[in-house]
Amino acid sequence: MAAFIKAFEAGAHAIEIDIQRSADGVLVVIHDETVNRTTQGRGYVYSAPFSWLRQLDAGYKFSARFRGERIPTLEEVLSFVESTSLSLNIELKMGKMIYHGIEEQVLAEIKRHGLTNRTTISSFYYPSLLRIKELDEVQPIALLCSKYSPVAPSYAKQFGAEAVHPHWRTVTPSYMNEALQQGIKVRPYTVNDLHVAKVFQTWGIDAIITNHPQRLRSVLGVG
């Protein structure tokens, strides 16, 4: 949670989170499928009960200042977002484990907090995004795509998405022109280079996903 609070204080317009699910069905906010990299624990998130996940220290590997940070639940993050002006980008993670029924769970949580209009659901796993639209055609979705398999804005339009989240290296002026013609928002990741951010701004990019919101805000002059 410390990262999300800091992002808000730094003037970010939105935060991005990654969703996994515990063995007993709790939606938790953690990037990796395992807890190995970011905590003192070992093992897969999907094979562990939430009570065990909650005991792990998810902060000390980053800095002693963050010792005692816990893996948050989706509910906790939504409650925080609801109390702010932030928008939210939820990435559904599907790798070794396909979390069947997670789409219904996530939508129910979003609706309970009244955050449909402030939330975009994204994923590299497009069947989940199709399922989201089947369940709620109003819920905005975005196609995540790597630099090795870029997705054209025209495809996103046909898919029923509102946006694409491409790797920044795949974005060009012609790509932006196509997006404008198709009415598709473009939010490239992960842009930490200030020069690249300035160029994208001149191209009319809709948003920039970055690790340094405060730095980019000061350079781009955004409100």
C-alpha atoms as a PDB file:
ATOM      1  CA  MET A   1       0.000   0.000   0.000  1.00  0.00           C
ATOM      2  CA  ALA A   2       2.952   2.332   0.612  1.00  0.00           C
ATOM      3  CA  ALA A   3       3.602   2.480  -3.151  1.00  0.00           C
ATOM      4  CA  PHE A   4       0.014   3.410  -3.969  1.00  0.00           C
ATOM      5  CA  ILE A   5      -0.097   6.093  -1.303  1.00  0.00           C
ATOM      6  CA  LYS A   6       3.212   7.502  -2.570  1.00  0.00           C
ATOM      7  CA  ALA A   7       1.947   7.527  -6.158  1.00  0.00           C
ATOM      8  CA  PHE A   8      -1.099   9.533  -5.106  1.00  0.00           C
ATOM      9  CA  GLU A   9       1.055  11.960  -3.137  1.00  0.00           C
ATOM     10  CA  ALA A  10       3.363  12.318  -6.168  1.00  0.00           C
ATOM     11  CA  GLY A  11       0.444  13.461  -8.296  1.00  0.00           C
ATOM     12  CA  ALA A  12      -0.200  10.317 -10.338  1.00  0.00           C
ATOM     13  CA  HIS A  13      -3.601  10.286 -12.010  1.00  0.00           C
ATOM     14  CA  ALA A  14      -3.906   6.498 -11.697  1.00  0.00           C
ATOM     15  CA  ILE A  15      -2.236   3.419 -10.277  1.00  0.00           C
ATOM     16  CA  GLU A  16      -1.719  -0.018 -11.807  1.00  0.00           C
ATOM     17  CA  ILE A  17      -2.094  -3.238  -9.828  1.00  0.00           C
ATOM     18  CA  ASP A  18      -1.713  -6.947 -10.578  1.00  0.00           C
ATOM     19  CA  ILE A  19      -4.211  -9.482  -9.275  1.00  0.00           C
ATOM     20  CA  GLN A  20      -3.561 -13.062  -8.213  1.00  0.00           C
ATOM     21  CA  ARG A  21      -5.818 -15.336  -6.139  1.00  0.00           C
ATOM     22  CA  SER A  22      -4.998 -17.294  -2.998  1.00  0.00           C
ATOM     23  CA  ALA A  23      -5.807 -20.976  -2.544  1.00  0.00           C
ATOM     24  CA  ASP A  24      -8.895 -20.036  -0.551  1.00  0.00           C
ATOM     25  CA  GLY A  25     -10.189 -17.536  -3.095  1.00  0.00           C
ATOM     26  CA  VAL A  26      -8.966 -14.172  -1.796  1.00  0.00           C
ATOM     27  CA  LEU A  27      -7.959 -11.661  -4.476  1.00  0.00           C
ATOM     28  CA  VAL A  28      -4.529 -10.293  -3.601  1.00  0.00           C
ATOM     29  CA  VAL A  29      -2.396  -7.568  -5.161  1.00  0.00           C
ATOM     30  CA  ILE A  30       1.008  -8.962  -6.125  1.00  0.00           C
ATOM     31  CA  HIS A  31       2.850  -8.963  -9.447  1.00  0.00           C
ATOM     32  CA  ASP A  32       4.526 -12.361  -9.465  1.00  0.00           C
ATOM     33  CA  GLU A  33       2.944 -15.800  -9.367  1.00  0.00           C
ATOM     34  CA  THR A  34       5.270 -16.609  -6.481  1.00  0.00           C
ATOM     35  CA  VAL A  35       6.148 -14.705  -3.312  1.00  0.00           C
ATOM     36  CA  ASN A  36       9.846 -15.537  -3.711  1.00  0.00           C
ATOM     37  CA  ARG A  37      11.106 -12.245  -5.148  1.00  0.00           C
ATOM     38  CA  THR A  38       9.320  -9.735  -2.937  1.00  0.00           C
ATOM     39  CA  THR A  39       8.916 -11.489   0.428  1.00  0.00           C
ATOM     40  CA  GLN A  40      10.782 -13.853   2.742  1.00  0.00           C
ATOM     41  CA  GLY A  41       8.438 -16.671   1.744  1.00  0.00           C
ATOM     42  CA  ARG A  42       8.668 -19.327  -0.932  1.00  0.00           C
ATOM     43  CA  GLY A  43       5.921 -20.733  -3.114  1.00  0.00           C
ATOM     44  CA  TYR A  44       3.058 -19.923  -5.441  1.00  0.00           C
ATOM     45  CA  VAL A  45       0.358 -17.481  -4.465  1.00  0.00           C
ATOM     46  CA  TYR A  46      -2.384 -19.743  -5.819  1.00  0.00           C
ATOM     47  CA  SER A  47      -1.322 -22.673  -3.632  1.00  0.00           C
ATOM     48  CA  ALA A  48      -1.200 -20.709  -0.360  1.00  0.00           C
ATOM     49  CA  PRO A  49      -4.053 -19.699   1.970  1.00  0.00           C
ATOM     50  CA  PHE A  50      -4.526 -15.987   2.514  1.00  0.00           C
ATOM     51  CA  SER A  51      -3.775 -16.300   6.236  1.00  0.00           C
ATOM     52  CA  TRP A  52      -0.223 -17.425   5.361  1.00  0.00           C
ATOM     53  CA  LEU A  53       0.242 -14.815   2.610  1.00  0.00           C
ATOM     54  CA  ARG A  54      -0.823 -12.112   5.038  1.00  0.00           C
ATOM     55  CA  GLN A  55       1.975 -12.984   7.444  1.00  0.00           C
ATOM     56  CA  LEU A  56       4.698 -12.344   4.841  1.00  0.00           C
ATOM     57  CA  ASP A  57       6.765  -9.165   4.836  1.00  0.00           C
ATOM     58  CA  ALA A  58       6.321  -7.594   1.402  1.00  0.00           C
ATOM     59  CA  GLY A  59       8.418  -4.506   2.068  1.00  0.00           C
ATOM     60  CA  TYR A  60      11.775  -5.242   3.644  1.00  0.00           C
ATOM     61  CA  LYS A  61      13.423  -6.464   0.424  1.00  0.00           C
ATOM     62  CA  PHE A  62      12.852  -3.018  -1.081  1.00  0.00           C
ATOM     63  CA  SER A  63      14.036  -1.019   1.921  1.00  0.00           C
ATOM     64  CA  ALA A  64      14.199  -1.258   5.681  1.00  0.00           C
ATOM     65  CA  ARG A  65      11.788   1.687   5.699  1.00  0.00           C
ATOM     66  CA  PHE A  66       9.062  -0.572   4.348  1.00  0.00           C
ATOM     67  CA  ARG A  67       9.580  -3.476   6.723  1.00  0.00           C
ATOM     68  CA  GLY A  68       6.210  -4.807   7.799  1.00  0.00           C
ATOM     69  CA  GLU A  69       4.333  -3.993   4.587  1.00  0.00           C
ATOM     70  CA  ARG A  70       1.819  -6.736   3.830  1.00  0.00           C
ATOM     71  CA  ILE A  71       0.446  -8.132   0.591  1.00  0.00           C
ATOM     72  CA  PRO A  72      -2.772  -6.139   0.194  1.00  0.00           C
ATOM     73  CA  THR A  73      -6.124  -7.455  -0.936  1.00  0.00           C
ATOM     74  CA  LEU A  74      -8.019  -6.039  -3.885  1.00  0.00           C
ATOM     75  CA  GLU A  75     -10.652  -4.888  -1.397  1.00  0.00           C
ATOM     76  CA  GLU A  76      -8.084  -2.788   0.465  1.00  0.00           C
ATOM     77  CA  VAL A  77      -6.793  -1.141  -2.686  1.00  0.00           C
ATOM     78  CA  LEU A  78     -10.302  -0.388  -3.943  1.00  0.00           C
ATOM     79  CA  SER A  79     -11.198   1.187  -0.614  1.00  0.00           C
ATOM     80  CA  PHE A  80      -8.114   3.391  -0.873  1.00  0.00           C
ATOM     81  CA  VAL A  81      -8.839   4.392  -4.488  1.00  0.00           C
ATOM     82  CA  GLU A  82     -12.441   5.167  -3.585  1.00  0.00           C
ATOM     83  CA  SER A  83     -11.216   7.720  -1.035  1.00  0.00           C
ATOM     84  CA  THR A  84      -9.054   9.529  -3.611  1.00  0.00           C
ATOM     85  CA  SER A  85      -9.326  11.023  -7.089  1.00  0.00           C
ATOM     86  CA  LEU A  86      -7.248   8.191  -8.568  1.00  0.00           C
ATOM     87  CA  SER A  87      -8.217   6.002 -11.476  1.00  0.00           C
ATOM     88  CA  LEU A  88      -7.238   2.337 -11.441  1.00  0.00           C
ATOM     89  CA  ASN A  89      -5.746  -0.104 -13.916  1.00  0.00           C
ATOM     90  CA  ILE A  90      -6.248  -3.715 -12.816  1.00  0.00           C
ATOM     91  CA  GLU A  91      -4.173  -6.309 -14.623  1.00  0.00           C
ATOM     92  CA  LEU A  92      -5.520  -9.848 -14.451  1.00  0.00           C
ATOM     93  CA  LYS A  93      -2.520 -12.170 -14.227  1.00  0.00           C
ATOM     94  CA  MET A  94      -2.809 -15.514 -15.954  1.00  0.00           C
ATOM     95  CA  GLY A  95       0.312 -17.676 -16.247  1.00  0.00           C
ATOM     96  CA  LYS A  96       0.883 -21.140 -14.811  1.00  0.00           C
ATOM     97  CA  MET A  97      -2.511 -20.817 -13.182  1.00  0.00           C
ATOM     98  CA  ILE A  98      -5.679 -19.780 -14.999  1.00  0.00           C
ATOM     99  CA  TYR A  99      -7.901 -18.294 -12.308  1.00  0.00           C
ATOM    100  CA  HIS A 100     -11.308 -19.517 -13.427  1.00  0.00           C
ATOM    101  CA  GLY A 101     -14.106 -17.205 -12.325  1.00  0.00           C
ATOM    102  CA  ILE A 102     -11.771 -14.376 -11.343  1.00  0.00           C
ATOM    103  CA  GLU A 103     -13.520 -12.045 -13.779  1.00  0.00           C
ATOM    104  CA  GLU A 104     -16.801 -12.297 -11.865  1.00  0.00           C
ATOM    105  CA  GLN A 105     -14.982 -11.718  -8.582  1.00  0.00           C
ATOM    106  CA  VAL A 106     -13.136  -8.632  -9.785  1.00  0.00           C
ATOM    107  CA  LEU A 107     -16.224  -7.076 -11.364  1.00  0.00           C
ATOM    108  CA  ALA A 108     -18.254  -7.644  -8.202  1.00  0.00           C
ATOM    109  CA  GLU A 109     -15.615  -5.850  -6.109  1.00  0.00           C
ATOM    110  CA  ILE A 110     -15.372  -2.932  -8.556  1.00  0.00           C
ATOM    111  CA  LYS A 111     -19.139  -2.481  -8.639  1.00  0.00           C
ATOM    112  CA  ARG A 112     -19.434  -2.701  -4.865  1.00  0.00           C
ATOM    113  CA  HIS A 113     -17.120   0.293  -4.594  1.00  0.00           C
ATOM    114  CA  GLY A 114     -18.773   2.173  -7.460  1.00  0.00           C
ATOM    115  CA  LEU A 115     -15.536   2.369  -9.423  1.00  0.00           C
ATOM    116  CA  THR A 116     -16.562   1.044 -12.841  1.00  0.00           C
ATOM    117  CA  ASN A 117     -16.007   4.383 -14.586  1.00  0.00           C
ATOM    118  CA  ARG A 118     -12.630   4.901 -12.897  1.00  0.00           C
ATOM    119  CA  THR A 119     -11.290   1.414 -13.557  1.00  0.00           C
ATOM    120  CA  THR A 120      -9.781  -0.245 -16.605  1.00  0.00           C
ATOM    121  CA  ILE A 121      -9.195  -3.994 -16.611  1.00  0.00           C
ATOM    122  CA  SER A 122      -6.210  -5.113 -18.672  1.00  0.00           C
ATOM    123  CA  SER A 123      -4.536  -8.413 -19.411  1.00  0.00           C
ATOM    124  CA  PHE A 124      -2.212 -10.268 -21.767  1.00  0.00           C
ATOM    125  CA  TYR A 125      -4.724 -13.112 -21.513  1.00  0.00           C
ATOM    126  CA  TYR A 126      -7.446 -11.979 -23.894  1.00  0.00           C
ATOM    127  CA  PRO A 127     -10.036 -14.685 -23.049  1.00  0.00           C
ATOM    128  CA  SER A 128     -10.393 -13.000 -19.645  1.00  0.00           C
ATOM    129  CA  LEU A 129     -11.079  -9.651 -21.292  1.00  0.00           C
ATOM    130  CA  LEU A 130     -13.723 -11.224 -23.534  1.00  0.00           C
ATOM    131  CA  ARG A 131     -15.308 -12.689 -20.426  1.00  0.00           C
ATOM    132  CA  ILE A 132     -15.320  -9.281 -18.732  1.00  0.00           C
ATOM    133  CA  LYS A 133     -17.241  -7.792 -21.657  1.00  0.00           C
ATOM    134  CA  GLU A 134     -19.684 -10.715 -21.637  1.00  0.00           C
ATOM    135  CA  LEU A 135     -20.410 -10.028 -17.989  1.00  0.00           C
ATOM    136  CA  ASP A 136     -20.468  -6.225 -18.229  1.00  0.00           C
ATOM    137  CA  GLU A 137     -20.245  -4.492 -21.589  1.00  0.00           C
ATOM    138  CA  VAL A 138     -19.840  -1.107 -19.854  1.00  0.00           C
ATOM    139  CA  GLN A 139     -16.632  -2.075 -18.032  1.00  0.00           C
ATOM    140  CA  PRO A 140     -13.602  -0.563 -19.867  1.00  0.00           C
ATOM    141  CA  ILE A 141     -10.900  -3.032 -20.904  1.00  0.00           C
ATOM    142  CA  ALA A 142      -7.444  -2.669 -22.418  1.00  0.00           C
ATOM    143  CA  LEU A 143      -5.365  -5.115 -24.435  1.00  0.00           C
ATOM    144  CA  LEU A 144      -1.876  -5.477 -23.014  1.00  0.00           C
ATOM    145  CA  CYS A 145       0.701  -6.309 -25.682  1.00  0.00           C
ATOM    146  CA  SER A 146       4.438  -6.905 -25.674  1.00  0.00           C
ATOM    147  CA  LYS A 147       7.022  -5.505 -28.056  1.00  0.00           C
ATOM    148  CA  TYR A 148       7.193  -8.963 -29.650  1.00  0.00           C
ATOM    149  CA  SER A 149       3.469  -9.144 -30.420  1.00  0.00           C
ATOM    150  CA  PRO A 150       2.058  -5.631 -30.865  1.00  0.00           C
ATOM    151  CA  VAL A 151      -1.673  -5.172 -31.325  1.00  0.00           C
ATOM    152  CA  ALA A 152      -3.069  -2.724 -33.874  1.00  0.00           C
ATOM    153  CA  PRO A 153      -5.680  -0.216 -32.672  1.00  0.00           C
ATOM    154  CA  SER A 154      -8.031  -1.508 -35.383  1.00  0.00           C
ATOM    155  CA  TYR A 155      -7.847  -4.976 -33.811  1.00  0.00           C
ATOM    156  CA  ALA A 156      -8.573  -3.512 -30.382  1.00  0.00           C
ATOM    157  CA  LYS A 157     -11.642  -1.804 -31.848  1.00  0.00           C
ATOM    158  CA  GLN A 158     -12.919  -5.058 -33.343  1.00  0.00           C
ATOM    159  CA  PHE A 159     -12.204  -6.835 -30.054  1.00  0.00           C
ATOM    160  CA  GLY A 160     -14.408  -4.391 -28.171  1.00  0.00           C
ATOM    161  CA  ALA A 161     -11.639  -2.790 -26.116  1.00  0.00           C
ATOM    162  CA  GLU A 162     -11.493   0.858 -25.160  1.00  0.00           C
ATOM    163  CA  ALA A 163      -7.695   0.992 -25.039  1.00  0.00           C
ATOM    164  CA  VAL A 164      -4.391  -0.687 -25.791  1.00  0.00           C
ATOM    165  CA  HIS A 165      -1.450  -0.793 -23.382  1.00  0.00           C
ATOM    166  CA  PRO A 166       1.506  -1.457 -25.701  1.00  0.00           C
ATOM    167  CA  HIS A 167       5.212  -1.691 -24.976  1.00  0.00           C
ATOM    168  CA  TRP A 168       6.484   1.829 -25.561  1.00  0.00           C
ATOM    169  CA  ARG A 169       8.936   0.754 -28.276  1.00  0.00           C
ATOM    170  CA  THR A 170       6.070  -0.292 -30.553  1.00  0.00           C
ATOM    171  CA  VAL A 171       4.335   3.113 -30.546  1.00  0.00           C
ATOM    172  CA  THR A 172       4.860   5.269 -33.648  1.00  0.00           C
ATOM    173  CA  PRO A 173       3.136   8.316 -35.170  1.00  0.00           C
ATOM    174  CA  SER A 174       1.268   6.063 -37.601  1.00  0.00           C
ATOM    175  CA  TYR A 175       0.158   3.868 -34.698  1.00  0.00           C
ATOM    176  CA  MET A 176      -1.203   6.941 -32.936  1.00  0.00           C
ATOM    177  CA  ASN A 177      -2.983   8.097 -36.102  1.00  0.00           C
ATOM    178  CA  GLU A 178      -4.686   4.725 -36.405  1.00  0.00           C
ATOM    179  CA  ALA A 179      -5.685   4.832 -32.744  1.00  0.00           C
ATOM    180  CA  LEU A 180      -7.198   8.277 -33.206  1.00  0.00           C
ATOM    181  CA  GLN A 181      -9.172   7.109 -36.232  1.00  0.00           C
ATOM    182  CA  GLN A 182     -10.433   4.039 -34.346  1.00  0.00           C
ATOM    183  CA  GLY A 183     -11.216   5.928 -31.137  1.00  0.00           C
ATOM    184  CA  ILE A 184      -8.835   3.737 -29.140  1.00  0.00           C
ATOM    185  CA  LYS A 185      -6.848   5.122 -26.196  1.00  0.00           C
ATOM    186  CA  VAL A 186      -3.121   4.386 -26.111  1.00  0.00           C
ATOM    187  CA  ARG A 187      -1.267   4.078 -22.794  1.00  0.00           C
ATOM    188  CA  PRO A 188       2.267   2.757 -23.351  1.00  0.00           C
ATOM    189  CA  TYR A 189       4.365   1.078 -20.663  1.00  0.00           C
ATOM    190  CA  THR A 190       6.884   1.510 -19.023  1.00  0.00           C
ATOM    191  CA  VAL A 191       8.083   4.997 -19.957  1.00  0.00           C
ATOM    192  CA  ASN A 192      10.803   6.248 -17.606  1.00  0.00           C
ATOM    193  CA  ASP A 193      12.841   8.177 -20.176  1.00  0.00           C
ATOM    194  CA  LEU A 194      11.923  11.873 -20.085  1.00  0.00           C
ATOM    195  CA  HIS A 195      12.749  12.470 -23.745  1.00  0.00           C
ATOM    196  CA  VAL A 196      10.519   9.585 -24.847  1.00  0.00           C
ATOM    197  CA  ALA A 197       7.729  10.930 -22.637  1.00  0.00           C
ATOM    198  CA  LYS A 198       8.013  14.367 -24.251  1.00  0.00           C
ATOM    199  CA  VAL A 199       7.846  12.863 -27.743  1.00  0.00           C
ATOM    200  CA  PHE A 200       4.784  10.827 -26.835  1.00  0.00           C
ATOM    201  CA  GLN A 201       3.134  13.940 -25.462  1.00  0.00           C
ATOM    202  CA  THR A 202       3.518  15.675 -28.833  1.00  0.00           C
ATOM    203  CA  TRP A 203       1.945  12.641 -30.498  1.00  0.00           C
ATOM    204  CA  GLY A 204      -1.185  12.986 -28.372  1.00  0.00           C
ATOM    205  CA  ILE A 205      -0.736   9.923 -26.207  1.00  0.00           C
ATOM    206  CA  ASP A 206      -3.641   9.379 -23.810  1.00  0.00           C
ATOM    207  CA  ALA A 207      -1.583   8.362 -20.784  1.00  0.00           C
ATOM    208  CA  ILE A 208       1.882   7.154 -19.858  1.00  0.00           C
ATOM    209  CA  ILE A 209       2.559   4.244 -17.547  1.00  0.00           C
ATOM    210  CA  THR A 210       5.720   5.006 -15.589  1.00  0.00           C
ATOM    211  CA  ASN A 211       7.658   4.217 -12.444  1.00  0.00           C
ATOM    212  CA  HIS A 212       8.355   7.931 -11.913  1.00  0.00           C
ATOM    213  CA  PRO A 213       5.092   9.918 -11.984  1.00  0.00           C
ATOM    214  CA  GLN A 214       6.467  12.927 -10.126  1.00  0.00           C
ATOM    215  CA  ARG A 215       9.449  13.275 -12.462  1.00  0.00           C
ATOM    216  CA  LEU A 216       7.299  13.008 -15.587  1.00  0.00           C
ATOM    217  CA  ARG A 217       4.694  15.429 -14.288  1.00  0.00           C
ATOM    218  CA  SER A 218       7.334  18.108 -13.711  1.00  0.00           C
ATOM    219  CA  VAL A 219       8.750  17.683 -17.204  1.00  0.00           C
ATOM    220  CA  LEU A 220       5.460  17.343 -19.090  1.00  0.00           C
ATOM    221  CA  GLY A 221       3.704  20.107 -17.196  1.00  0.00           C
ATOM    222  CA  VAL A 222       0.536  18.088 -16.692  1.00  0.00           C
ATOM    223  CA  GLY A 223      -2.014  19.027 -14.059  1.00  0.00           C
END
